[in-house]
Protein backbone atom coordinates (compact mmCIF):
# COMPACT_ATOMS: atom_id res chain seq x y z
CA UNK A 1 -0.02 -0.02 0.01
CA UNK A 2 2.81 2.36 0.86
CA UNK A 3 4.47 1.66 -2.54
CA UNK A 4 1.21 2.50 -4.24
CA UNK A 5 0.74 5.69 -2.39
CA UNK A 6 4.26 6.82 -3.11
CA UNK A 7 3.85 5.92 -6.76
CA UNK A 8 0.54 8.03 -6.87
CA UNK A 9 2.19 10.96 -5.16
CA UNK A 10 5.27 10.79 -7.47
CA UNK A 11 3.05 10.57 -10.46
CA UNK A 12 0.97 13.65 -9.28
CA UNK A 13 4.28 15.52 -8.89
CA UNK A 14 5.36 14.57 -12.39
CA UNK A 15 1.99 15.53 -13.74
CA UNK A 16 2.03 18.87 -12.08
CA UNK A 17 5.54 19.58 -13.46
CA UNK A 18 4.65 18.45 -17.03
CA UNK A 19 1.52 20.51 -17.44
CA UNK A 20 2.61 23.77 -15.57
CA UNK A 21 6.35 23.91 -15.11
CA UNK A 22 7.83 22.30 -18.08
CA UNK A 23 5.23 23.37 -20.52
CA UNK A 24 4.63 26.83 -22.01
CA UNK A 25 1.64 27.40 -19.82
CA UNK A 26 0.94 31.08 -18.96
CA UNK A 27 -1.76 32.12 -16.57
CA UNK A 28 -2.30 35.44 -18.27
CA UNK A 29 -3.18 33.98 -21.64
CA UNK A 30 -6.76 33.10 -22.33
CA UNK A 31 -6.95 29.27 -22.84
CA UNK A 32 -8.15 29.05 -26.55
CA UNK A 33 -6.34 27.56 -29.49
CA UNK A 34 -7.03 30.61 -31.66
CA UNK A 35 -7.17 34.24 -30.49
CA UNK A 36 -10.61 34.69 -32.16
CA UNK A 37 -12.12 31.70 -30.52
CA UNK A 38 -14.81 32.19 -27.73
CA UNK A 39 -14.33 30.71 -24.38
CA UNK A 40 -17.40 29.48 -22.49
CA UNK A 41 -17.54 29.88 -18.71
CA UNK A 42 -20.25 28.21 -16.74
CA UNK A 43 -21.31 30.22 -13.60
CA UNK A 44 -23.37 29.16 -10.63
CA UNK A 45 -24.05 30.35 -7.18
CA UNK A 46 -24.47 28.43 -3.95
CA UNK A 47 -25.61 30.55 -0.90
CA UNK A 48 -24.70 29.48 2.61
CA UNK A 49 -26.11 32.33 4.56
CA UNK A 50 -28.18 35.58 4.21
CA UNK A 51 -26.33 37.61 6.78
CA UNK A 52 -28.06 40.88 6.66
CA UNK A 53 -30.30 43.20 4.60
CA UNK A 54 -29.36 46.80 5.59
CA UNK A 55 -32.65 48.79 4.80
CA UNK A 56 -30.93 52.02 5.57
CA UNK A 57 -27.90 51.56 3.38
CA UNK A 58 -29.85 49.46 0.81
CA UNK A 59 -27.33 46.62 0.89
CA UNK A 60 -27.65 42.88 1.09
CA UNK A 61 -24.78 41.03 2.77
CA UNK A 62 -24.59 37.29 1.71
CA UNK A 63 -22.03 34.42 2.19
CA UNK A 64 -21.87 32.45 -1.08
CA UNK A 65 -19.81 30.08 -3.15
CA UNK A 66 -19.21 31.35 -6.54
CA UNK A 67 -19.08 28.23 -8.75
CA UNK A 68 -17.11 28.53 -12.05
CA UNK A 69 -16.27 25.98 -14.66
CA UNK A 70 -14.46 26.30 -17.89
CA UNK A 71 -12.12 24.18 -20.17
CA UNK A 72 -8.45 24.86 -20.49
CA UNK A 73 -7.07 22.77 -23.37
CA UNK A 74 -3.51 23.17 -21.97
CA UNK A 75 -4.36 21.15 -18.86
CA UNK A 76 -5.23 18.01 -20.55
CA UNK A 77 -3.35 14.63 -19.91
CA UNK A 78 -3.58 10.97 -20.43
CA UNK A 79 -4.47 9.30 -17.06
CA UNK A 80 -2.76 6.03 -18.08
CA UNK A 81 0.73 7.80 -18.10
CA UNK A 82 0.29 9.15 -14.66
CA UNK A 83 -0.79 6.13 -12.65
CA UNK A 84 -4.45 6.66 -13.73
CA UNK A 85 -4.77 10.10 -12.03
CA UNK A 86 -7.82 11.74 -13.43
CA UNK A 87 -8.01 14.92 -11.38
CA UNK A 88 -5.59 17.23 -9.69
CA UNK A 89 -6.02 20.07 -7.19
CA UNK A 90 -4.03 23.04 -8.29
CA UNK A 91 -3.69 26.54 -6.59
CA UNK A 92 -5.74 28.97 -8.61
CA UNK A 93 -3.12 31.74 -8.71
CA UNK A 94 -0.94 29.72 -11.11
CA UNK A 95 -3.94 29.05 -13.44
CA UNK A 96 -5.72 31.25 -15.70
CA UNK A 97 -9.16 32.21 -14.41
CA UNK A 98 -11.86 34.38 -15.77
CA UNK A 99 -12.12 37.85 -14.14
CA UNK A 100 -15.70 37.37 -12.89
CA UNK A 101 -16.69 40.33 -10.74
CA UNK A 102 -19.71 41.44 -8.89
CA UNK A 103 -21.05 44.49 -10.84
CA UNK A 104 -23.39 45.81 -8.26
CA UNK A 105 -21.02 45.60 -5.16
CA UNK A 106 -21.39 48.02 -2.39
CA UNK A 107 -18.03 47.92 -0.56
CA UNK A 108 -15.43 48.13 -3.36
CA UNK A 109 -14.52 44.49 -3.30
CA UNK A 110 -15.29 43.22 -6.81
CA UNK A 111 -13.27 40.06 -6.78
CA UNK A 112 -12.91 36.87 -4.68
CA UNK A 113 -10.49 37.38 -1.77
CA UNK A 114 -9.89 33.73 -0.94
CA UNK A 115 -7.66 32.15 -3.70
CA UNK A 116 -8.31 28.51 -2.81
CA UNK A 117 -7.38 25.57 -5.02
CA UNK A 118 -9.22 24.61 -8.27
CA UNK A 119 -10.02 21.01 -9.35
CA UNK A 120 -8.64 20.10 -12.69
CA UNK A 121 -9.77 16.94 -14.49
CA UNK A 122 -7.70 15.13 -17.25
CA UNK A 123 -9.98 16.51 -20.06
CA UNK A 124 -8.96 20.11 -19.15
CA UNK A 125 -12.01 21.04 -17.22
CA UNK A 126 -11.36 23.43 -14.38
CA UNK A 127 -13.77 23.79 -11.46
CA UNK A 128 -13.36 26.53 -8.97
CA UNK A 129 -15.83 27.36 -6.09
CA UNK A 130 -14.26 30.13 -3.98
CA UNK A 131 -16.13 31.21 -0.86
CA UNK A 132 -16.92 34.95 -0.57
CA UNK A 133 -18.97 37.40 1.48
CA UNK A 134 -20.45 39.92 -0.92
CA UNK A 135 -22.13 43.26 -0.17
CA UNK A 136 -24.51 43.94 -3.05
CA UNK A 137 -26.65 46.88 -3.66
CA UNK A 138 -30.33 46.01 -3.12
CA UNK A 139 -33.16 48.40 -3.76
CA UNK A 140 -35.54 48.16 -0.82
CA UNK A 141 -39.22 48.81 -1.35
CA UNK A 142 -40.83 49.44 1.99
CA UNK A 143 -44.36 50.19 0.82
CA UNK A 144 -45.80 47.02 2.31
CA UNK A 145 -43.49 46.90 5.35
CA UNK A 146 -43.60 44.58 7.46
CA UNK A 147 -45.47 42.32 5.03
CA UNK A 148 -43.17 43.28 2.20
CA UNK A 149 -41.53 41.34 -0.66
CA UNK A 150 -38.05 42.31 -1.74
CA UNK A 151 -36.01 41.42 -4.76
CA UNK A 152 -32.25 41.56 -4.45
CA UNK A 153 -29.97 40.66 -7.27
CA UNK A 154 -26.24 39.78 -7.71
CA UNK A 155 -24.96 40.58 -11.14
CA UNK A 156 -21.77 38.72 -12.17
CA UNK A 157 -19.85 39.25 -15.41
CA UNK A 158 -16.36 39.64 -16.90
CA UNK A 159 -14.82 42.97 -16.45
CA UNK A 160 -12.43 42.66 -19.35
CA UNK A 161 -13.69 40.28 -22.02
CA UNK A 162 -16.65 41.10 -24.06
CA UNK A 163 -19.10 38.72 -25.61
CA UNK A 164 -16.70 37.97 -28.60
CA UNK A 165 -14.06 36.53 -26.33
CA UNK A 166 -15.88 35.14 -23.31
CA UNK A 167 -19.46 33.78 -23.00
CA UNK A 168 -21.14 33.16 -19.63
CA UNK A 169 -23.72 30.36 -19.22
CA UNK A 170 -25.66 29.55 -16.06
CA UNK A 171 -25.03 26.14 -14.41
CA UNK A 172 -28.59 25.91 -13.21
CA UNK A 173 -31.81 27.74 -13.35
CA UNK A 174 -31.75 28.60 -9.58
CA UNK A 175 -29.39 29.24 -6.76
CA UNK A 176 -28.16 26.25 -4.86
CA UNK A 177 -29.50 26.28 -1.35
CA UNK A 178 -28.29 22.81 -0.18
CA UNK A 179 -26.01 24.47 2.51
CA UNK A 180 -28.14 27.41 3.38
CA UNK A 181 -28.61 28.45 6.99
CA UNK A 182 -32.01 30.12 7.40
CA UNK A 183 -32.21 33.77 8.34
CA UNK A 184 -34.34 34.82 11.24
CA UNK A 185 -35.96 37.81 9.46
CA UNK A 186 -36.04 36.78 5.86
CA UNK A 187 -36.76 33.64 3.95
CA UNK A 188 -36.07 32.99 0.34
CA UNK A 189 -39.03 31.96 -1.73
CA UNK A 190 -37.45 31.94 -5.18
CA UNK A 191 -34.03 32.28 -6.83
CA UNK A 192 -34.44 32.74 -10.62
CA UNK A 193 -31.29 33.12 -12.76
CA UNK A 194 -31.00 35.16 -15.94
CA UNK A 195 -28.39 35.61 -18.61
CA UNK A 196 -28.14 39.05 -20.08
CA UNK A 197 -26.32 40.37 -23.14
CA UNK A 198 -25.97 44.13 -22.70
CA UNK A 199 -24.36 46.97 -24.76
CA UNK A 200 -23.40 49.75 -22.36
CA UNK A 201 -23.24 53.41 -23.35
CA UNK A 202 -19.56 53.66 -23.02
CA UNK A 203 -18.75 50.93 -25.48
CA UNK A 204 -19.75 49.46 -28.71
CA UNK A 205 -19.00 45.88 -27.71
CA UNK A 206 -21.54 43.57 -25.96
CA UNK A 207 -21.05 42.06 -22.51
CA UNK A 208 -22.62 39.10 -20.89
CA UNK A 209 -23.65 38.80 -17.31
CA UNK A 210 -25.33 36.32 -15.18
CA UNK A 211 -27.89 37.73 -12.73
CA UNK A 212 -28.95 35.79 -9.61
CA UNK A 213 -32.07 37.11 -8.06
CA UNK A 214 -33.38 36.44 -4.58
CA UNK A 215 -37.10 37.00 -3.90
CA UNK A 216 -37.37 37.45 -0.23
CA UNK A 217 -40.34 37.56 2.11
CA UNK A 218 -40.03 39.15 5.48
CA UNK A 219 -40.95 37.18 8.62
CA UNK A 220 -43.37 39.72 10.25
CA UNK A 221 -43.94 38.10 13.64
CA UNK A 222 -41.49 40.62 15.53
CA UNK A 223 -43.16 43.62 13.84
CA UNK A 224 -46.74 42.33 14.33
CA UNK A 225 -46.06 42.09 18.11
CA UNK A 226 -44.26 45.35 18.46
CA UNK A 227 -45.87 47.54 15.89
CA UNK A 228 -49.10 46.22 14.26
CA UNK A 229 -50.96 45.07 17.42
CA UNK A 230 -50.24 48.25 19.43
CA UNK A 231 -51.41 50.38 16.41
CA UNK A 232 -54.57 48.39 16.21
CA UNK A 233 -55.29 48.63 19.91
CA UNK A 234 -54.74 52.44 19.89
CA UNK A 235 -56.93 52.84 16.88
CA UNK A 236 -59.84 50.84 18.30
CA UNK A 237 -59.52 52.62 21.61
CA UNK A 238 -60.66 55.82 19.91
CA UNK A 239 -64.13 54.12 19.78
CA UNK A 240 -64.34 53.96 23.60
CA UNK A 241 -64.52 57.84 23.61
CA UNK A 242 -67.95 57.72 22.02
CA UNK A 243 -69.10 54.91 24.23
CA UNK A 244 -68.86 56.98 27.41
CA UNK A 245 -71.92 59.06 28.51
CA UNK A 246 -72.19 62.38 26.72
CA UNK A 247 -72.03 64.32 30.00
CA UNK A 248 -68.87 62.57 31.24
CA UNK A 249 -66.01 64.99 31.61
CA UNK A 250 -63.58 62.08 31.18
CA UNK A 251 -64.24 61.94 27.43
CA UNK A 252 -61.95 64.91 26.68
CA UNK A 253 -59.30 63.40 29.01
CA UNK A 254 -59.53 60.03 27.22
CA UNK A 255 -59.27 61.57 23.83
CA UNK A 256 -56.22 63.66 24.77
CA UNK A 257 -54.57 60.53 26.36
CA UNK A 258 -55.11 58.51 23.18
CA UNK A 259 -53.69 61.32 21.13
CA UNK A 260 -50.55 61.54 23.40
CA UNK A 261 -50.08 57.84 23.22
CA UNK A 262 -50.06 57.94 19.36
CA UNK A 263 -47.59 60.76 19.38
CA UNK A 264 -45.27 58.97 21.79
CA UNK A 265 -45.52 55.85 19.77
CA UNK A 266 -44.52 57.82 16.64
CA UNK A 267 -41.47 59.00 18.53
CA UNK A 268 -40.40 55.43 19.42
CA UNK A 269 -40.95 53.52 16.15
CA UNK A 270 -38.67 55.35 13.62
CA UNK A 271 -35.79 53.15 14.73
CA UNK A 272 -37.87 50.05 13.66
CA UNK A 273 -39.13 51.46 10.37
CA UNK A 274 -36.93 51.55 7.22
CA UNK A 275 -35.85 55.13 6.75
CA UNK A 276 -36.68 55.92 3.17
CA UNK A 277 -38.22 58.93 1.45
CA UNK A 278 -39.44 57.13 -1.63
CA UNK A 279 -42.41 55.38 -0.02
CA UNK A 280 -44.29 55.52 3.27
CA UNK A 281 -44.37 52.10 4.93
CA UNK A 282 -47.66 50.28 5.56
CA UNK A 283 -47.34 50.60 9.31
CA UNK A 284 -46.43 54.39 8.95
CA UNK A 285 -49.50 54.96 6.96
CA UNK A 286 -51.57 53.20 9.50
CA UNK A 287 -50.13 55.16 12.38
CA UNK A 288 -50.80 58.43 10.50
CA UNK A 289 -54.33 57.14 10.01
CA UNK A 290 -54.61 56.48 13.78
CA UNK A 291 -53.31 60.00 14.56
CA UNK A 292 -56.01 61.52 12.27
CA UNK A 293 -58.61 59.25 13.92
CA UNK A 294 -57.48 60.46 17.39
CA UNK A 295 -57.77 64.11 16.33
CA UNK A 296 -61.21 63.48 14.75
CA UNK A 297 -62.46 61.82 17.78
CA UNK A 298 -61.32 64.68 19.97
CA UNK A 299 -63.08 67.22 17.67
CA UNK A 300 -66.19 65.07 17.60
CA UNK A 301 -66.19 64.82 21.45
CA UNK A 302 -65.88 68.55 21.73
CA UNK A 303 -68.75 69.00 19.29
CA UNK A 304 -71.05 66.49 21.14
CA UNK A 305 -70.33 68.05 24.56
CA UNK A 306 -71.05 71.50 23.16
CA UNK A 307 -74.37 70.32 21.90
CA UNK A 308 -75.16 68.62 25.08
CA UNK A 309 -74.81 71.63 27.19
CA UNK A 310 -76.96 73.99 24.92
CA UNK A 311 -79.98 75.66 26.51
CA UNK A 312 -83.04 77.66 25.47
CA UNK A 313 -81.31 80.83 26.49
CA UNK A 314 -78.35 80.37 24.19
CA UNK A 315 -79.48 78.45 21.13
CA UNK A 316 -82.66 77.81 19.02
CA UNK A 317 -82.86 74.34 17.50
CA UNK A 318 -83.31 74.54 13.81
CA UNK A 319 -86.20 72.59 12.25
CA UNK A 320 -83.91 70.51 10.08
CA UNK A 321 -81.94 69.46 13.20
CA UNK A 322 -85.16 68.42 15.00
CA UNK A 323 -86.31 66.44 12.05
CA UNK A 324 -82.99 64.70 11.46
CA UNK A 325 -81.73 64.08 14.90
CA UNK A 326 -84.94 63.68 16.85
CA UNK A 327 -87.28 61.95 14.32
CA UNK A 328 -85.16 60.03 11.69
CA UNK A 329 -81.76 59.25 12.96
CA UNK A 330 -83.02 57.71 16.26
CA UNK A 331 -85.05 55.22 14.20
CA UNK A 332 -82.04 54.40 12.05
CA UNK A 333 -79.65 54.02 14.92
CA UNK A 334 -82.14 52.39 17.29
CA UNK A 335 -81.77 55.01 19.91
CA UNK A 336 -84.83 55.36 22.15
CA UNK A 337 -85.39 58.37 24.39
CA UNK A 338 -84.86 57.33 27.89
CA UNK A 339 -87.78 57.48 30.45
CA UNK A 340 -86.48 58.20 33.94
CA UNK A 341 -88.31 57.73 37.36
CA UNK A 342 -88.86 61.45 37.52
CA UNK A 343 -90.75 61.42 34.21
CA UNK A 344 -92.86 58.66 35.45
CA UNK A 345 -93.69 60.72 38.65
CA UNK A 346 -94.58 63.75 36.61
CA UNK A 347 -96.84 61.67 34.44
CA UNK A 348 -98.67 60.28 37.56
CA UNK A 349 -99.01 63.87 38.98
CA UNK A 350 -100.58 65.09 35.71
CA UNK A 351 -103.10 62.26 35.81
CA UNK A 352 -104.04 63.10 39.41
CA UNK A 353 -104.47 66.69 38.61
CA UNK A 354 -106.64 65.79 35.56
CA UNK A 355 -108.89 63.91 37.97
CA UNK A 356 -109.09 66.81 40.30
CA UNK A 357 -109.96 69.15 37.54
CA UNK A 358 -112.85 66.87 36.35
CA UNK A 359 -114.14 66.90 39.96
CA UNK A 360 -114.14 70.64 40.51
CA UNK A 361 -115.14 71.75 37.06
CA UNK A 362 -118.80 72.32 37.61
CA UNK A 363 -119.10 72.98 41.32
CA UNK A 364 -117.46 76.30 42.24
CA UNK A 365 -117.42 79.95 41.23
CA UNK A 366 -114.60 82.36 41.90
CA UNK A 367 -114.13 86.27 42.12
CA UNK A 368 -111.17 87.58 40.25
CA UNK A 369 -109.64 91.10 39.68
CA UNK A 370 -110.62 92.86 36.69
CA UNK A 371 -109.47 96.37 35.52
CA UNK A 372 -112.69 97.99 36.48
CA UNK A 373 -113.40 96.05 39.70
CA UNK A 374 -114.48 92.64 40.78
CA UNK A 375 -116.29 90.33 38.18
CA UNK A 376 -117.71 86.97 39.07
CA UNK A 377 -116.93 84.05 36.64
CA UNK A 378 -118.37 80.55 36.75
CA UNK A 379 -116.30 77.45 36.03
CA UNK A 380 -118.08 76.84 32.76
CA UNK A 381 -117.40 80.38 31.47
CA UNK A 382 -113.61 80.01 32.54
CA UNK A 383 -113.06 77.09 30.16
CA UNK A 384 -110.59 74.32 30.36
CA UNK A 385 -107.52 76.28 30.46
CA UNK A 386 -108.72 78.40 33.47
CA UNK A 387 -110.07 75.38 35.21
CA UNK A 388 -106.81 73.64 34.80
CA UNK A 389 -105.10 76.80 36.28
CA UNK A 390 -107.43 76.67 39.26
CA UNK A 391 -106.75 73.04 39.93
CA UNK A 392 -103.04 73.50 39.52
CA UNK A 393 -102.83 76.88 41.34
CA UNK A 394 -105.23 76.68 44.28
CA UNK A 395 -104.50 74.35 47.16
CA UNK A 396 -107.14 71.88 48.41
CA UNK A 397 -107.69 74.03 51.62
CA UNK A 398 -108.23 77.02 49.53
CA UNK A 399 -110.58 75.17 47.30
CA UNK A 400 -112.57 73.83 50.39
CA UNK A 401 -112.85 77.61 51.58
CA UNK A 402 -114.04 78.76 48.21
CA UNK A 403 -116.44 75.83 47.94
CA UNK A 404 -117.88 76.58 51.46
CA UNK A 405 -118.29 80.17 50.58
CA UNK A 406 -120.01 79.37 47.20
CA UNK A 407 -122.17 76.61 48.87
CA UNK A 408 -124.32 79.30 50.78
CA UNK A 409 -125.40 80.87 47.54
CA UNK A 410 -127.49 77.96 46.34
CA UNK A 411 -127.16 75.89 43.19
CA UNK A 412 -127.96 78.60 40.81
CA UNK A 413 -125.05 80.27 39.14
CA UNK A 414 -125.37 83.91 38.30
CA UNK A 415 -124.94 84.82 34.64
CA UNK A 416 -124.97 88.57 34.83
CA UNK A 417 -122.89 91.19 36.45
CA UNK A 418 -125.80 92.28 38.67
CA UNK A 419 -126.26 88.68 39.93
CA UNK A 420 -122.55 88.37 40.45
CA UNK A 421 -122.41 91.53 42.52
CA UNK A 422 -125.04 90.10 44.95
CA UNK A 423 -122.81 87.27 45.89
CA UNK A 424 -120.28 87.45 48.57
CA UNK A 425 -116.86 88.29 46.92
CA UNK A 426 -113.52 86.60 47.94
CA UNK A 427 -111.38 88.49 50.36
CA UNK A 428 -108.64 90.65 48.79
CA UNK A 429 -105.83 88.56 50.27
CA UNK A 430 -107.22 85.49 48.49
CA UNK A 431 -107.23 87.29 45.30
CA UNK A 432 -103.65 88.54 45.73
CA UNK A 433 -102.58 84.92 46.62
CA UNK A 434 -104.22 83.71 43.44
CA UNK A 435 -102.39 86.31 41.38
CA UNK A 436 -99.05 85.25 43.02
CA UNK A 437 -99.83 81.57 42.37
CA UNK A 438 -100.58 82.54 38.70
CA UNK A 439 -97.20 84.10 38.46
CA UNK A 440 -95.49 81.14 40.06
CA UNK A 441 -97.29 78.70 37.71
CA UNK A 442 -96.20 80.77 34.71
CA UNK A 443 -92.63 80.77 35.89
CA UNK A 444 -92.74 77.00 36.47
CA UNK A 445 -94.30 76.38 33.06
CA UNK A 446 -91.54 78.45 31.45
CA UNK A 447 -88.85 76.51 33.43
CA UNK A 448 -90.54 73.28 32.19
CA UNK A 449 -90.44 74.40 28.60
CA UNK A 450 -86.71 75.38 28.94
CA UNK A 451 -85.99 72.06 30.62
CA UNK A 452 -87.74 70.28 27.75
CA UNK A 453 -85.65 72.25 25.18
CA UNK A 454 -82.51 71.40 27.16
CA UNK A 455 -83.60 67.68 27.09
CA UNK A 456 -83.97 67.91 23.40
CA UNK A 457 -80.41 69.20 22.93
CA UNK A 458 -79.11 66.43 25.22
CA UNK A 459 -81.03 63.86 23.06
CA UNK A 460 -79.55 65.35 19.87
CA UNK A 461 -76.12 65.03 21.57
CA UNK A 462 -76.84 61.42 22.43
CA UNK A 463 -77.84 60.68 18.80
CA UNK A 464 -74.76 62.42 17.45
CA UNK A 465 -72.60 60.51 19.73
CA UNK A 466 -74.14 57.15 18.63
CA UNK A 467 -73.82 58.34 14.95
CA UNK A 468 -70.14 59.17 15.39
CA UNK A 469 -69.56 55.77 17.14
CA UNK A 470 -70.84 53.84 14.17
CA UNK A 471 -69.17 56.13 11.69
CA UNK A 472 -65.77 55.67 13.27
CA UNK A 473 -66.21 52.00 13.61
CA UNK A 474 -67.14 51.56 9.96
CA UNK A 475 -64.23 53.82 8.79
CA UNK A 476 -61.87 52.06 11.06
CA UNK A 477 -62.83 48.55 9.85
CA UNK A 478 -62.63 49.69 6.20
CA UNK A 479 -59.27 51.42 6.51
CA UNK A 480 -57.75 48.59 8.62
CA UNK A 481 -58.84 45.98 6.08
CA UNK A 482 -57.71 48.08 3.04
CA UNK A 483 -54.31 48.82 4.68
CA UNK A 484 -53.32 45.36 5.90
CA UNK A 485 -54.93 43.46 2.99
CA UNK A 486 -53.01 45.47 0.40
CA UNK A 487 -49.66 43.57 0.47
CA UNK A 488 -49.24 41.13 -2.34
CA UNK A 489 -47.94 38.49 0.08
CA UNK A 490 -51.50 37.88 1.37
CA UNK A 491 -52.94 37.15 -2.03
CA UNK A 492 -50.12 34.97 -3.56
CA UNK A 493 -51.02 31.28 -4.24
CA UNK A 494 -48.83 28.40 -3.69
CA UNK A 495 -47.92 28.37 -7.35
CA UNK A 496 -46.88 32.07 -7.55
CA UNK A 497 -43.22 31.31 -6.92
CA UNK A 498 -41.30 28.39 -8.19
CA UNK A 499 -40.22 26.29 -5.24
CA UNK A 500 -36.47 25.56 -5.42
CA UNK A 501 -35.04 22.05 -5.30
CA UNK A 502 -33.12 21.69 -2.29
CA UNK A 503 -30.95 18.66 -1.61
CA UNK A 504 -29.51 18.88 1.80
CA UNK A 505 -26.16 17.09 2.47
CA UNK A 506 -26.48 13.52 3.96
CA UNK A 507 -24.41 12.70 7.00
CA UNK A 508 -22.65 9.31 6.36
CA UNK A 509 -21.16 8.96 9.74
CA UNK A 510 -20.23 11.03 12.82
CA UNK A 511 -17.94 10.45 15.78
CA UNK A 512 -17.06 12.38 18.93
CA UNK A 513 -13.78 13.02 20.50
CA UNK A 514 -14.08 9.95 22.73
CA UNK A 515 -14.44 7.68 19.80
CA UNK A 516 -11.02 8.74 18.55
CA UNK A 517 -9.36 8.37 21.91
CA UNK A 518 -10.73 4.82 22.26
């Protein structure tokens, strides 16, 4: 076995000397038989890690293996002459290699920095897969952040040779991901490969490049927890302002607190959003919408409170407002006018007074002051309005006194002034008391009317409050759905992107340190 190993090592040394040292091989000369011949180089890419996507600098940092294959006719040999050696590892600096560079580099390193060895086979095929960490320019579109889709490309081509001298062909139709370590924020959904022949403005020649594209989708979980959910909670909290009672003073406080929360949130999130002036990110648009909603809710609350505290002394309710907010809108919004215990007691009192009025309507007469003296009126001649005034204004004891005085005059009621003057008039202090009671009743009636008008304004404020609640709810649902359903990633089907074929390495055997010690 040792003789065979030595023979193979000696044969490899002889082979190396024959094809490189003792021959006319020159690593600066393009490996073609004729100067006009075209050399074909096959180019492929294997990604091992997507290190970072810097959204501020618009840069993608990736660790890749740049796989290259070409044929060098000067490196051919007969395996039978060299102990059946069919391949040889040769340092790449002493071989000719294509000047493949990254066109869209972002750090000034256009070439591979690790000159590892190349694998050369007996038919002249050279395979070289140097590892490299590239920083490539990547245009970031943050319109749908954090549910965005990005397309970053790596454009490789020859810096010196045009299409007449060197042709580039892709090894495969996608980037190899067999050794790829998944990124925590981005995942690769597709890696198409394109071959382009371009004529640049500076030159008349055509140049070939191979473009490797990376279709990336962001993993939005971190941003959903830290940005989206807080924004939604703040936006929906604006609805709570209109759910509070209209006379609650805490409504303004809650509105201002929500507005301050949105402003503080705006100050905290710029470090999480991609700073770009080309487009406003999705979350940024929703935060601005939430800010507008907060301001609108504050203005709506001020308007509702202003309407709630209107009175008959300061405002007159227009007819259209009474028709819209008291007749039609309550039916649409299912708002019923509340009936309190006090309203029920007033209704009972009115029914009791109605019964008293019916009992005293036909049984008493009364003297009242007139401009020329005292005139006697019967209950029938006073009418319903005066009868109601007497029942409401005169106390039961006073009515008994009046009825006693009137009882001595018989059942016949005088109809003329002479007959009225023959009756016993009421004392003057009774007449003054009745006038005072009339004034008090008029004042109370006016107060009741003003209170009714104030109640109408409060009911209008209640209806406006309920209307704003539904309006804000509908607008919030529509804008939230339209905003977060806009990204294309929500509507992509399973067949939108071509799923790459990934063949992971298979572990044949593994052993620990203790296995070797044993």
